[in-house]
Amino acid sequence: MVTFLLEHMPVNMHLVIATREDLPMSLARLRAERQMMEIRAGDLRFTEEEAAAFLNQTMGLSLTPEAIRALEMRTEGWIVGLQLAALSMQEVPPERIPDFIQAFTGSHRYIVDYLTEEVLRSRPPGTRSFLLETSVLDRLTGPLCDAVCGASCEGDGQATLERLEEANLFLIPQDNERRWYRYHHLFAEVLRNQLEATQPDLVPTLHRRASEWFEGNGC
């Protein structure tokens, strides 16, 4: 229905769609003809200056430029991460701020609660297994994910990565060919912590499989 509307709407009409995931429709022609403007996760990422304005003005903190820079790098400009950090820092004495930022990782309870409730619980079991088991990797590509997951993850690794990218699930492309990806740092830490907590005996096996794949592919 939306496709029909796009193909028949009057020239003086604009359509604005807000969604967490890519639409299940062909956007290639609209993109090629410059009929579409996209605002994606990279565009929404806060710069260091925007992070400073948000943390010090909006959230009422008095952070130094060094603290802001460290926090922006740790959250990768993710606004929810910055907000969760700011809420936690409101009760932290100024002299302990550097230690707090150093310790603000994927094990922080606010980060764990948010990503677990908003992201992981809504995913099918096969996708959750894929996320947990591939979290041991710093970089991801389809064949490597297949080798690491073995028979425990359903589906093709490359197709799963592309679905995760379309769902904007904290997966960051490392090239323009859809070959290599990585997880957002905080998201990866949450996944690794959950893997260690629920399946600690599996972790060495996953690392061994990854090592064998890298050796076999000359990496």
N, C-alpha and C. Protein backbone atom coordinates (compact mmCIF):
# COMPACT_ATOMS: atom_id res chain seq x y z
N MET A 1 0.83 -1.20 0.00
CA MET A 1 0.00 0.00 0.00
C MET A 1 0.87 1.26 0.00
N VAL A 2 1.96 1.22 0.79
CA VAL A 2 2.87 2.37 0.82
C VAL A 2 3.57 2.53 -0.52
N THR A 3 3.94 1.41 -1.12
CA THR A 3 4.57 1.48 -2.44
C THR A 3 3.63 2.11 -3.46
N PHE A 4 2.37 1.72 -3.44
CA PHE A 4 1.39 2.30 -4.36
C PHE A 4 1.27 3.81 -4.12
N LEU A 5 1.25 4.21 -2.86
CA LEU A 5 1.15 5.63 -2.53
C LEU A 5 2.36 6.39 -3.08
N LEU A 6 3.56 5.82 -2.90
CA LEU A 6 4.77 6.49 -3.39
C LEU A 6 4.74 6.67 -4.90
N GLU A 7 4.19 5.68 -5.59
CA GLU A 7 4.17 5.72 -7.06
C GLU A 7 3.08 6.63 -7.61
N HIS A 8 2.10 7.01 -6.81
CA HIS A 8 0.96 7.77 -7.31
C HIS A 8 0.70 9.07 -6.57
N MET A 9 1.49 9.41 -5.60
CA MET A 9 1.17 10.61 -4.83
C MET A 9 1.51 11.87 -5.62
N PRO A 10 0.82 12.97 -5.36
CA PRO A 10 1.05 14.22 -6.09
C PRO A 10 2.44 14.78 -5.81
N VAL A 11 2.92 15.63 -6.73
CA VAL A 11 4.29 16.15 -6.64
C VAL A 11 4.48 17.07 -5.44
N ASN A 12 3.42 17.66 -4.94
CA ASN A 12 3.55 18.58 -3.80
C ASN A 12 3.38 17.89 -2.46
N MET A 13 3.44 16.56 -2.47
CA MET A 13 3.26 15.79 -1.24
C MET A 13 4.58 15.14 -0.83
N HIS A 14 4.89 15.16 0.46
CA HIS A 14 6.05 14.48 1.01
C HIS A 14 5.59 13.46 2.03
N LEU A 15 6.24 12.32 2.05
CA LEU A 15 5.91 11.26 2.99
C LEU A 15 7.07 11.07 3.96
N VAL A 16 6.78 11.12 5.25
CA VAL A 16 7.80 10.93 6.29
C VAL A 16 7.48 9.63 7.03
N ILE A 17 8.44 8.74 7.08
CA ILE A 17 8.27 7.45 7.75
C ILE A 17 9.36 7.29 8.80
N ALA A 18 8.97 7.04 10.03
CA ALA A 18 9.93 6.77 11.11
C ALA A 18 9.82 5.30 11.49
N THR A 19 10.94 4.61 11.49
CA THR A 19 10.94 3.18 11.77
C THR A 19 12.28 2.76 12.32
N ARG A 20 12.29 1.75 13.20
CA ARG A 20 13.54 1.21 13.71
C ARG A 20 14.23 0.33 12.69
N GLU A 21 13.46 -0.28 11.80
CA GLU A 21 14.02 -1.23 10.85
C GLU A 21 13.76 -0.75 9.42
N ASP A 22 14.57 -1.24 8.49
CA ASP A 22 14.36 -0.90 7.09
C ASP A 22 12.99 -1.42 6.64
N LEU A 23 12.35 -0.66 5.78
CA LEU A 23 11.02 -1.03 5.31
C LEU A 23 11.10 -2.27 4.41
N PRO A 24 10.10 -3.15 4.47
CA PRO A 24 10.08 -4.34 3.61
C PRO A 24 9.59 -4.00 2.20
N MET A 25 10.28 -3.08 1.56
CA MET A 25 9.92 -2.65 0.21
C MET A 25 11.18 -2.19 -0.50
N SER A 26 11.13 -2.11 -1.81
CA SER A 26 12.30 -1.73 -2.59
C SER A 26 12.53 -0.23 -2.51
N LEU A 27 13.70 0.15 -2.03
CA LEU A 27 14.06 1.56 -1.93
C LEU A 27 15.16 1.94 -2.91
N ALA A 28 15.70 0.95 -3.64
CA ALA A 28 16.86 1.20 -4.50
C ALA A 28 16.56 2.25 -5.57
N ARG A 29 15.38 2.17 -6.21
CA ARG A 29 15.07 3.13 -7.27
C ARG A 29 14.92 4.53 -6.71
N LEU A 30 14.21 4.64 -5.59
CA LEU A 30 14.05 5.96 -4.97
C LEU A 30 15.39 6.55 -4.57
N ARG A 31 16.28 5.69 -4.07
CA ARG A 31 17.60 6.16 -3.67
C ARG A 31 18.40 6.61 -4.89
N ALA A 32 18.34 5.82 -5.97
CA ALA A 32 19.11 6.14 -7.18
C ALA A 32 18.61 7.42 -7.84
N GLU A 33 17.31 7.65 -7.79
CA GLU A 33 16.72 8.84 -8.41
C GLU A 33 16.70 10.04 -7.46
N ARG A 34 17.30 9.87 -6.30
CA ARG A 34 17.39 10.95 -5.30
C ARG A 34 15.99 11.46 -4.92
N GLN A 35 15.07 10.52 -4.84
CA GLN A 35 13.71 10.83 -4.42
C GLN A 35 13.50 10.59 -2.93
N MET A 36 14.58 10.22 -2.24
CA MET A 36 14.44 9.83 -0.85
C MET A 36 15.61 10.39 -0.04
N MET A 37 15.31 10.89 1.13
CA MET A 37 16.33 11.31 2.08
C MET A 37 16.30 10.36 3.27
N GLU A 38 17.46 9.78 3.61
CA GLU A 38 17.54 8.82 4.70
C GLU A 38 18.31 9.42 5.88
N ILE A 39 17.78 9.23 7.05
CA ILE A 39 18.48 9.60 8.28
C ILE A 39 18.69 8.32 9.06
N ARG A 40 19.96 7.90 9.14
CA ARG A 40 20.27 6.61 9.74
C ARG A 40 21.05 6.77 11.04
N ALA A 41 21.44 5.64 11.63
CA ALA A 41 22.07 5.66 12.95
C ALA A 41 23.32 6.54 12.96
N GLY A 42 24.10 6.49 11.87
CA GLY A 42 25.30 7.31 11.82
C GLY A 42 25.00 8.79 11.84
N ASP A 43 23.86 9.18 11.26
CA ASP A 43 23.47 10.59 11.26
C ASP A 43 22.97 11.03 12.63
N LEU A 44 22.45 10.09 13.41
CA LEU A 44 21.90 10.42 14.73
C LEU A 44 22.97 10.35 15.83
N ARG A 45 24.13 9.85 15.50
CA ARG A 45 25.20 9.76 16.49
C ARG A 45 25.63 11.15 16.93
N PHE A 46 25.74 11.35 18.24
CA PHE A 46 26.15 12.64 18.77
C PHE A 46 27.65 12.86 18.55
N THR A 47 27.98 14.06 18.08
CA THR A 47 29.39 14.44 18.02
C THR A 47 29.85 14.80 19.43
N GLU A 48 31.14 15.05 19.57
CA GLU A 48 31.66 15.45 20.88
C GLU A 48 31.03 16.75 21.36
N GLU A 49 30.82 17.70 20.44
CA GLU A 49 30.21 18.98 20.81
C GLU A 49 28.76 18.78 21.22
N GLU A 50 28.03 17.94 20.49
CA GLU A 50 26.63 17.68 20.84
C GLU A 50 26.53 16.94 22.17
N ALA A 51 27.46 16.00 22.39
CA ALA A 51 27.48 15.28 23.66
C ALA A 51 27.73 16.24 24.82
N ALA A 52 28.63 17.20 24.62
CA ALA A 52 28.94 18.19 25.66
C ALA A 52 27.70 19.02 25.99
N ALA A 53 26.98 19.47 24.96
CA ALA A 53 25.78 20.27 25.18
C ALA A 53 24.71 19.45 25.91
N PHE A 54 24.56 18.21 25.52
CA PHE A 54 23.55 17.36 26.15
C PHE A 54 23.90 17.08 27.61
N LEU A 55 25.14 16.69 27.87
CA LEU A 55 25.52 16.29 29.22
C LEU A 55 25.57 17.47 30.19
N ASN A 56 26.14 18.57 29.75
CA ASN A 56 26.34 19.69 30.67
C ASN A 56 25.15 20.65 30.73
N GLN A 57 24.47 20.84 29.61
CA GLN A 57 23.35 21.78 29.61
C GLN A 57 22.02 21.08 29.89
N THR A 58 21.72 20.05 29.11
CA THR A 58 20.43 19.38 29.28
C THR A 58 20.37 18.57 30.57
N MET A 59 21.45 17.82 30.86
CA MET A 59 21.44 16.94 32.03
C MET A 59 22.02 17.61 33.27
N GLY A 60 22.51 18.84 33.15
CA GLY A 60 22.95 19.60 34.31
C GLY A 60 24.23 19.13 34.95
N LEU A 61 25.10 18.48 34.20
CA LEU A 61 26.39 18.03 34.72
C LEU A 61 27.45 19.10 34.45
N SER A 62 28.60 18.92 35.05
CA SER A 62 29.72 19.85 34.82
C SER A 62 30.96 19.03 34.49
N LEU A 63 30.92 18.36 33.36
CA LEU A 63 32.01 17.47 32.99
C LEU A 63 33.10 18.23 32.25
N THR A 64 34.31 17.79 32.43
CA THR A 64 35.45 18.38 31.74
C THR A 64 35.45 17.90 30.29
N PRO A 65 36.14 18.62 29.38
CA PRO A 65 36.24 18.16 28.00
C PRO A 65 36.82 16.76 27.89
N GLU A 66 37.77 16.42 28.76
CA GLU A 66 38.37 15.08 28.73
C GLU A 66 37.34 14.01 29.09
N ALA A 67 36.51 14.29 30.09
CA ALA A 67 35.48 13.33 30.50
C ALA A 67 34.44 13.16 29.40
N ILE A 68 34.05 14.25 28.77
CA ILE A 68 33.06 14.19 27.69
C ILE A 68 33.61 13.39 26.52
N ARG A 69 34.87 13.64 26.17
CA ARG A 69 35.49 12.92 25.05
C ARG A 69 35.54 11.43 25.34
N ALA A 70 35.92 11.06 26.56
CA ALA A 70 36.00 9.65 26.92
C ALA A 70 34.63 8.98 26.88
N LEU A 71 33.62 9.68 27.36
CA LEU A 71 32.28 9.10 27.38
C LEU A 71 31.69 9.01 25.98
N GLU A 72 31.96 9.99 25.15
CA GLU A 72 31.48 9.95 23.77
C GLU A 72 32.11 8.77 23.02
N MET A 73 33.39 8.53 23.27
CA MET A 73 34.06 7.41 22.62
C MET A 73 33.52 6.08 23.14
N ARG A 74 33.26 6.00 24.43
CA ARG A 74 32.79 4.74 25.01
C ARG A 74 31.39 4.40 24.53
N THR A 75 30.53 5.41 24.39
CA THR A 75 29.15 5.17 23.92
C THR A 75 29.03 5.23 22.41
N GLU A 76 30.09 5.68 21.72
CA GLU A 76 30.07 5.87 20.26
C GLU A 76 28.95 6.82 19.85
N GLY A 77 28.69 7.82 20.70
CA GLY A 77 27.67 8.81 20.37
C GLY A 77 26.24 8.33 20.48
N TRP A 78 26.03 7.15 21.03
CA TRP A 78 24.68 6.59 21.19
C TRP A 78 23.95 7.38 22.26
N ILE A 79 22.87 8.04 21.90
CA ILE A 79 22.19 8.97 22.80
C ILE A 79 21.62 8.27 24.03
N VAL A 80 21.07 7.07 23.87
CA VAL A 80 20.54 6.36 25.03
C VAL A 80 21.68 6.03 26.00
N GLY A 81 22.83 5.61 25.47
CA GLY A 81 23.97 5.34 26.32
C GLY A 81 24.42 6.57 27.07
N LEU A 82 24.46 7.71 26.39
CA LEU A 82 24.83 8.96 27.05
C LEU A 82 23.83 9.33 28.14
N GLN A 83 22.55 9.13 27.86
CA GLN A 83 21.53 9.47 28.85
C GLN A 83 21.62 8.56 30.07
N LEU A 84 21.82 7.27 29.85
CA LEU A 84 21.95 6.34 30.96
C LEU A 84 23.17 6.67 31.80
N ALA A 85 24.26 7.04 31.14
CA ALA A 85 25.47 7.43 31.87
C ALA A 85 25.21 8.70 32.67
N ALA A 86 24.53 9.67 32.07
CA ALA A 86 24.26 10.93 32.76
C ALA A 86 23.38 10.72 33.98
N LEU A 87 22.37 9.86 33.86
CA LEU A 87 21.50 9.58 35.01
C LEU A 87 22.29 8.95 36.14
N SER A 88 23.24 8.08 35.79
CA SER A 88 24.05 7.44 36.82
C SER A 88 25.01 8.42 37.47
N MET A 89 25.53 9.37 36.68
CA MET A 89 26.56 10.29 37.19
C MET A 89 25.99 11.39 38.07
N GLN A 90 24.70 11.56 38.07
CA GLN A 90 24.11 12.64 38.87
C GLN A 90 24.37 12.46 40.37
N GLU A 91 24.65 11.24 40.80
CA GLU A 91 24.92 10.97 42.22
C GLU A 91 26.40 10.68 42.46
N VAL A 92 27.24 10.87 41.44
CA VAL A 92 28.67 10.56 41.57
C VAL A 92 29.44 11.82 41.92
N PRO A 93 30.27 11.82 42.96
CA PRO A 93 31.09 13.00 43.30
C PRO A 93 32.02 13.34 42.13
N PRO A 94 32.31 14.63 41.91
CA PRO A 94 33.14 15.04 40.78
C PRO A 94 34.48 14.33 40.71
N GLU A 95 35.10 14.09 41.86
CA GLU A 95 36.42 13.47 41.84
C GLU A 95 36.38 12.00 41.40
N ARG A 96 35.18 11.41 41.41
CA ARG A 96 35.06 10.00 41.02
C ARG A 96 34.55 9.83 39.59
N ILE A 97 34.30 10.93 38.89
CA ILE A 97 33.78 10.85 37.51
C ILE A 97 34.71 10.07 36.59
N PRO A 98 36.03 10.34 36.58
CA PRO A 98 36.91 9.55 35.68
C PRO A 98 36.82 8.05 35.94
N ASP A 99 36.75 7.65 37.21
CA ASP A 99 36.64 6.22 37.52
C ASP A 99 35.30 5.66 37.04
N PHE A 100 34.23 6.46 37.18
CA PHE A 100 32.92 6.00 36.71
C PHE A 100 32.94 5.76 35.20
N ILE A 101 33.49 6.72 34.45
CA ILE A 101 33.52 6.58 32.99
C ILE A 101 34.34 5.36 32.59
N GLN A 102 35.44 5.13 33.28
CA GLN A 102 36.27 3.96 32.98
C GLN A 102 35.50 2.67 33.21
N ALA A 103 34.62 2.69 34.21
CA ALA A 103 33.88 1.49 34.57
C ALA A 103 32.54 1.38 33.84
N PHE A 104 32.19 2.39 33.04
CA PHE A 104 30.90 2.39 32.34
C PHE A 104 31.01 1.49 31.11
N THR A 105 30.66 0.24 31.28
CA THR A 105 30.79 -0.75 30.23
C THR A 105 29.47 -1.48 30.03
N GLY A 106 29.51 -2.53 29.25
CA GLY A 106 28.31 -3.33 29.02
C GLY A 106 27.84 -4.09 30.23
N SER A 107 28.58 -4.04 31.34
CA SER A 107 28.13 -4.69 32.56
C SER A 107 27.35 -3.75 33.47
N HIS A 108 27.29 -2.46 33.12
CA HIS A 108 26.54 -1.51 33.94
C HIS A 108 25.07 -1.89 33.91
N ARG A 109 24.42 -1.85 35.07
CA ARG A 109 23.05 -2.39 35.18
C ARG A 109 22.07 -1.67 34.27
N TYR A 110 22.21 -0.35 34.10
CA TYR A 110 21.29 0.38 33.23
C TYR A 110 21.45 -0.08 31.77
N ILE A 111 22.69 -0.25 31.34
CA ILE A 111 22.94 -0.70 29.97
C ILE A 111 22.42 -2.11 29.77
N VAL A 112 22.71 -2.99 30.74
CA VAL A 112 22.25 -4.37 30.65
C VAL A 112 20.73 -4.42 30.59
N ASP A 113 20.06 -3.69 31.49
CA ASP A 113 18.60 -3.72 31.52
C ASP A 113 18.01 -3.21 30.21
N TYR A 114 18.53 -2.10 29.70
CA TYR A 114 17.97 -1.52 28.49
C TYR A 114 18.13 -2.46 27.30
N LEU A 115 19.35 -2.93 27.07
CA LEU A 115 19.59 -3.76 25.89
C LEU A 115 18.91 -5.12 26.01
N THR A 116 18.83 -5.64 27.22
CA THR A 116 18.15 -6.92 27.41
C THR A 116 16.66 -6.79 27.16
N GLU A 117 16.05 -5.75 27.74
CA GLU A 117 14.60 -5.59 27.63
C GLU A 117 14.17 -5.08 26.26
N GLU A 118 14.93 -4.15 25.69
CA GLU A 118 14.51 -3.51 24.45
C GLU A 118 14.99 -4.24 23.20
N VAL A 119 16.05 -5.02 23.33
CA VAL A 119 16.65 -5.61 22.13
C VAL A 119 16.59 -7.13 22.15
N LEU A 120 17.20 -7.75 23.15
CA LEU A 120 17.40 -9.19 23.10
C LEU A 120 16.10 -9.98 23.28
N ARG A 121 15.25 -9.56 24.20
CA ARG A 121 14.05 -10.35 24.49
C ARG A 121 13.08 -10.41 23.32
N SER A 122 13.16 -9.44 22.42
CA SER A 122 12.23 -9.42 21.29
C SER A 122 12.73 -10.23 20.11
N ARG A 123 13.93 -10.80 20.22
CA ARG A 123 14.51 -11.55 19.10
C ARG A 123 14.18 -13.04 19.21
N PRO A 124 14.04 -13.73 18.09
CA PRO A 124 13.79 -15.18 18.12
C PRO A 124 14.98 -15.91 18.76
N PRO A 125 14.75 -17.10 19.30
CA PRO A 125 15.84 -17.85 19.95
C PRO A 125 17.06 -18.05 19.06
N GLY A 126 16.84 -18.33 17.78
CA GLY A 126 17.98 -18.54 16.89
C GLY A 126 18.83 -17.29 16.73
N THR A 127 18.18 -16.14 16.65
CA THR A 127 18.91 -14.88 16.54
C THR A 127 19.67 -14.57 17.82
N ARG A 128 19.04 -14.84 18.97
CA ARG A 128 19.72 -14.61 20.25
C ARG A 128 20.96 -15.49 20.36
N SER A 129 20.85 -16.74 19.94
CA SER A 129 22.01 -17.63 19.97
C SER A 129 23.11 -17.10 19.06
N PHE A 130 22.73 -16.63 17.87
CA PHE A 130 23.71 -16.07 16.93
C PHE A 130 24.42 -14.88 17.57
N LEU A 131 23.67 -13.97 18.17
CA LEU A 131 24.26 -12.78 18.78
C LEU A 131 25.22 -13.16 19.90
N LEU A 132 24.80 -14.05 20.78
CA LEU A 132 25.65 -14.43 21.90
C LEU A 132 26.92 -15.13 21.45
N GLU A 133 26.79 -16.07 20.54
CA GLU A 133 27.95 -16.87 20.16
C GLU A 133 28.94 -16.09 19.29
N THR A 134 28.46 -15.16 18.49
CA THR A 134 29.37 -14.37 17.66
C THR A 134 29.92 -13.16 18.41
N SER A 135 29.49 -12.95 19.65
CA SER A 135 29.99 -11.81 20.42
C SER A 135 31.46 -11.95 20.78
N VAL A 136 32.01 -13.17 20.65
CA VAL A 136 33.44 -13.35 20.95
C VAL A 136 34.31 -12.76 19.85
N LEU A 137 33.70 -12.36 18.73
CA LEU A 137 34.45 -11.86 17.58
C LEU A 137 34.53 -10.33 17.61
N ASP A 138 35.70 -9.81 17.29
CA ASP A 138 35.85 -8.36 17.15
C ASP A 138 35.31 -7.89 15.81
N ARG A 139 35.42 -8.74 14.78
CA ARG A 139 34.87 -8.45 13.46
C ARG A 139 34.07 -9.65 12.99
N LEU A 140 33.02 -9.39 12.22
CA LEU A 140 32.15 -10.47 11.79
C LEU A 140 32.02 -10.47 10.27
N THR A 141 32.04 -11.66 9.70
CA THR A 141 31.69 -11.86 8.30
C THR A 141 30.94 -13.18 8.21
N GLY A 142 30.14 -13.35 7.18
CA GLY A 142 29.25 -14.50 7.11
C GLY A 142 29.90 -15.85 7.32
N PRO A 143 30.93 -16.22 6.53
CA PRO A 143 31.56 -17.53 6.70
C PRO A 143 32.18 -17.73 8.09
N LEU A 144 32.75 -16.67 8.65
CA LEU A 144 33.31 -16.77 10.00
C LEU A 144 32.22 -17.06 11.02
N CYS A 145 31.09 -16.37 10.90
CA CYS A 145 29.98 -16.61 11.82
C CYS A 145 29.46 -18.04 11.69
N ASP A 146 29.39 -18.56 10.47
CA ASP A 146 28.97 -19.94 10.27
C ASP A 146 29.91 -20.91 10.97
N ALA A 147 31.21 -20.65 10.86
CA ALA A 147 32.20 -21.53 11.48
C ALA A 147 32.12 -21.48 12.99
N VAL A 148 31.88 -20.31 13.55
CA VAL A 148 31.84 -20.16 15.01
C VAL A 148 30.57 -20.76 15.59
N CYS A 149 29.43 -20.49 14.95
CA CYS A 149 28.15 -20.97 15.49
C CYS A 149 27.95 -22.45 15.28
N GLY A 150 28.51 -23.00 14.22
CA GLY A 150 28.29 -24.41 13.93
C GLY A 150 26.83 -24.68 13.65
N ALA A 151 26.32 -25.76 14.21
CA ALA A 151 24.93 -26.16 13.95
C ALA A 151 23.95 -25.52 14.93
N SER A 152 24.46 -24.76 15.90
CA SER A 152 23.57 -24.23 16.93
C SER A 152 22.76 -23.03 16.47
N CYS A 153 23.24 -22.31 15.44
CA CYS A 153 22.52 -21.14 14.94
C CYS A 153 21.84 -21.48 13.63
N GLU A 154 20.57 -21.14 13.54
CA GLU A 154 19.82 -21.45 12.34
C GLU A 154 20.11 -20.43 11.23
N GLY A 155 20.08 -20.90 9.98
CA GLY A 155 20.19 -19.98 8.86
C GLY A 155 21.61 -19.70 8.44
N ASP A 156 21.73 -18.90 7.38
CA ASP A 156 23.01 -18.53 6.79
C ASP A 156 23.58 -17.31 7.51
N GLY A 157 24.87 -17.36 7.85
CA GLY A 157 25.50 -16.29 8.61
C GLY A 157 25.44 -14.94 7.91
N GLN A 158 25.72 -14.93 6.61
CA GLN A 158 25.70 -13.67 5.87
C GLN A 158 24.30 -13.09 5.83
N ALA A 159 23.31 -13.94 5.59
CA ALA A 159 21.93 -13.47 5.57
C ALA A 159 21.51 -12.94 6.93
N THR A 160 21.96 -13.58 8.00
CA THR A 160 21.63 -13.12 9.34
C THR A 160 22.25 -11.76 9.61
N LEU A 161 23.49 -11.57 9.21
CA LEU A 161 24.14 -10.28 9.39
C LEU A 161 23.39 -9.18 8.64
N GLU A 162 22.96 -9.47 7.43
CA GLU A 162 22.24 -8.47 6.65
C GLU A 162 20.88 -8.15 7.29
N ARG A 163 20.22 -9.17 7.87
CA ARG A 163 18.95 -8.92 8.56
C ARG A 163 19.18 -8.05 9.80
N LEU A 164 20.26 -8.32 10.53
CA LEU A 164 20.57 -7.52 11.70
C LEU A 164 20.88 -6.08 11.32
N GLU A 165 21.57 -5.91 10.18
CA GLU A 165 21.86 -4.55 9.72
C GLU A 165 20.57 -3.84 9.36
N GLU A 166 19.68 -4.51 8.66
CA GLU A 166 18.41 -3.91 8.28
C GLU A 166 17.58 -3.55 9.50
N ALA A 167 17.75 -4.33 10.58
CA ALA A 167 17.00 -4.06 11.82
C ALA A 167 17.70 -3.02 12.69
N ASN A 168 18.82 -2.48 12.22
CA ASN A 168 19.59 -1.48 12.99
C ASN A 168 19.91 -2.00 14.39
N LEU A 169 20.37 -3.24 14.46
CA LEU A 169 20.58 -3.90 15.74
C LEU A 169 22.03 -3.79 16.20
N PHE A 170 22.52 -2.55 16.34
CA PHE A 170 23.84 -2.30 16.89
C PHE A 170 24.94 -3.01 16.11
N LEU A 171 24.71 -3.18 14.82
CA LEU A 171 25.69 -3.80 13.93
C LEU A 171 26.23 -2.72 13.00
N ILE A 172 27.54 -2.54 13.02
CA ILE A 172 28.16 -1.44 12.29
C ILE A 172 28.95 -1.98 11.10
N PRO A 173 28.58 -1.61 9.86
CA PRO A 173 29.34 -2.08 8.69
C PRO A 173 30.76 -1.54 8.70
N GLN A 174 31.69 -2.37 8.24
CA GLN A 174 33.09 -1.96 8.15
C GLN A 174 33.54 -1.74 6.71
N ASP A 175 32.65 -1.94 5.77
CA ASP A 175 32.95 -1.69 4.36
C ASP A 175 31.63 -1.44 3.64
N ASN A 176 31.71 -1.22 2.32
CA ASN A 176 30.50 -0.95 1.52
C ASN A 176 30.03 -2.18 0.76
N GLU A 177 30.67 -3.33 1.01
CA GLU A 177 30.32 -4.56 0.29
C GLU A 177 29.49 -5.53 1.13
N ARG A 178 29.14 -5.11 2.34
CA ARG A 178 28.39 -5.97 3.26
C ARG A 178 29.14 -7.27 3.54
N ARG A 179 30.44 -7.14 3.72
CA ARG A 179 31.26 -8.31 4.03
C ARG A 179 31.66 -8.36 5.50
N TRP A 180 32.13 -7.24 6.04
CA TRP A 180 32.62 -7.22 7.41
C TRP A 180 31.80 -6.24 8.25
N TYR A 181 31.53 -6.66 9.46
CA TYR A 181 30.77 -5.85 10.41
C TYR A 181 31.44 -5.94 11.79
N ARG A 182 30.95 -5.13 12.70
CA ARG A 182 31.29 -5.28 14.12
C ARG A 182 30.08 -4.84 14.93
N TYR A 183 30.01 -5.30 16.18
CA TYR A 183 28.95 -4.86 17.08
C TYR A 183 29.36 -3.56 17.76
N HIS A 184 28.37 -2.74 18.11
CA HIS A 184 28.63 -1.57 18.95
C HIS A 184 29.32 -2.06 20.22
N HIS A 185 30.32 -1.30 20.70
CA HIS A 185 31.16 -1.76 21.81
C HIS A 185 30.33 -2.15 23.04
N LEU A 186 29.39 -1.30 23.45
CA LEU A 186 28.60 -1.60 24.63
C LEU A 186 27.70 -2.82 24.42
N PHE A 187 27.13 -2.94 23.21
CA PHE A 187 26.28 -4.08 22.90
C PHE A 187 27.10 -5.37 22.94
N ALA A 188 28.31 -5.34 22.38
CA ALA A 188 29.17 -6.52 22.40
C ALA A 188 29.51 -6.93 23.83
N GLU A 189 29.75 -5.95 24.70
CA GLU A 189 30.08 -6.26 26.09
C GLU A 189 28.90 -6.90 26.81
N VAL A 190 27.69 -6.40 26.54
CA VAL A 190 26.50 -7.01 27.14
C VAL A 190 26.37 -8.46 26.68
N LEU A 191 26.54 -8.71 25.40
CA LEU A 191 26.43 -10.06 24.86
C LEU A 191 27.48 -10.98 25.48
N ARG A 192 28.72 -10.51 25.55
CA ARG A 192 29.78 -11.35 26.11
C ARG A 192 29.54 -11.67 27.58
N ASN A 193 29.06 -10.69 28.32
CA ASN A 193 28.77 -10.93 29.73
C ASN A 193 27.66 -11.96 29.91
N GLN A 194 26.64 -11.88 29.05
CA GLN A 194 25.55 -12.85 29.13
C GLN A 194 26.04 -14.24 28.73
N LEU A 195 26.89 -14.29 27.73
CA LEU A 195 27.44 -15.59 27.30
C LEU A 195 28.26 -16.21 28.42
N GLU A 196 29.11 -15.40 29.06
CA GLU A 196 29.93 -15.90 30.17
C GLU A 196 29.05 -16.36 31.34
N ALA A 197 27.95 -15.67 31.57
CA ALA A 197 27.09 -16.00 32.70
C ALA A 197 26.24 -17.25 32.45
N THR A 198 25.84 -17.46 31.19
CA THR A 198 24.91 -18.55 30.89
C THR A 198 25.58 -19.80 30.30
N GLN A 199 26.67 -19.59 29.55
CA GLN A 199 27.34 -20.72 28.89
C GLN A 199 28.86 -20.59 28.96
N PRO A 200 29.43 -20.51 30.15
CA PRO A 200 30.88 -20.28 30.26
C PRO A 200 31.72 -21.38 29.61
N ASP A 201 31.22 -22.62 29.62
CA ASP A 201 32.00 -23.71 29.04
C ASP A 201 32.07 -23.64 27.52
N LEU A 202 31.16 -22.88 26.92
CA LEU A 202 31.13 -22.78 25.46
C LEU A 202 32.16 -21.78 24.93
N VAL A 203 32.56 -20.83 25.75
CA VAL A 203 33.43 -19.74 25.29
C VAL A 203 34.74 -20.25 24.68
N PRO A 204 35.50 -21.15 25.33
CA PRO A 204 36.74 -21.64 24.71
C PRO A 204 36.50 -22.32 23.36
N THR A 205 35.39 -23.03 23.24
CA THR A 205 35.07 -23.69 21.97
C THR A 205 34.85 -22.67 20.86
N LEU A 206 34.15 -21.58 21.18
CA LEU A 206 33.90 -20.55 20.18
C LEU A 206 35.20 -19.89 19.74
N HIS A 207 36.08 -19.62 20.68
CA HIS A 207 37.37 -19.03 20.33
C HIS A 207 38.21 -19.99 19.48
N ARG A 208 38.15 -21.28 19.80
CA ARG A 208 38.90 -22.26 19.01
C ARG A 208 38.37 -22.32 17.58
N ARG A 209 37.05 -22.31 17.42
CA ARG A 209 36.48 -22.33 16.07
C ARG A 209 36.89 -21.10 15.28
N ALA A 210 36.87 -19.94 15.94
CA ALA A 210 37.28 -18.71 15.26
C ALA A 210 38.74 -18.77 14.86
N SER A 211 39.58 -19.27 15.75
CA SER A 211 41.00 -19.37 15.46
C SER A 211 41.26 -20.30 14.27
N GLU A 212 40.56 -21.42 14.23
CA GLU A 212 40.72 -22.36 13.12
C GLU A 212 40.27 -21.74 11.80
N TRP A 213 39.19 -20.93 11.84
CA TRP A 213 38.74 -20.29 10.61
C TRP A 213 39.78 -19.27 10.12
N PHE A 214 40.29 -18.45 11.02
CA PHE A 214 41.30 -17.46 10.63
C PHE A 214 42.54 -18.14 10.07
N GLU A 215 42.97 -19.23 10.71
CA GLU A 215 44.16 -19.94 10.21
C GLU A 215 43.89 -20.54 8.83
N GLY A 216 42.72 -21.14 8.66
CA GLY A 216 42.38 -21.76 7.38
C GLY A 216 42.18 -20.77 6.26
N ASN A 217 41.88 -19.51 6.60
CA ASN A 217 41.67 -18.49 5.57
C ASN A 217 42.81 -17.50 5.47
N GLY A 218 43.94 -17.86 6.09
CA GLY A 218 45.13 -17.01 5.97
C GLY A 218 44.99 -15.65 6.59
N CYS A 219 44.17 -15.53 7.65
CA CYS A 219 43.96 -14.23 8.29
C CYS A 219 44.79 -14.12 9.57
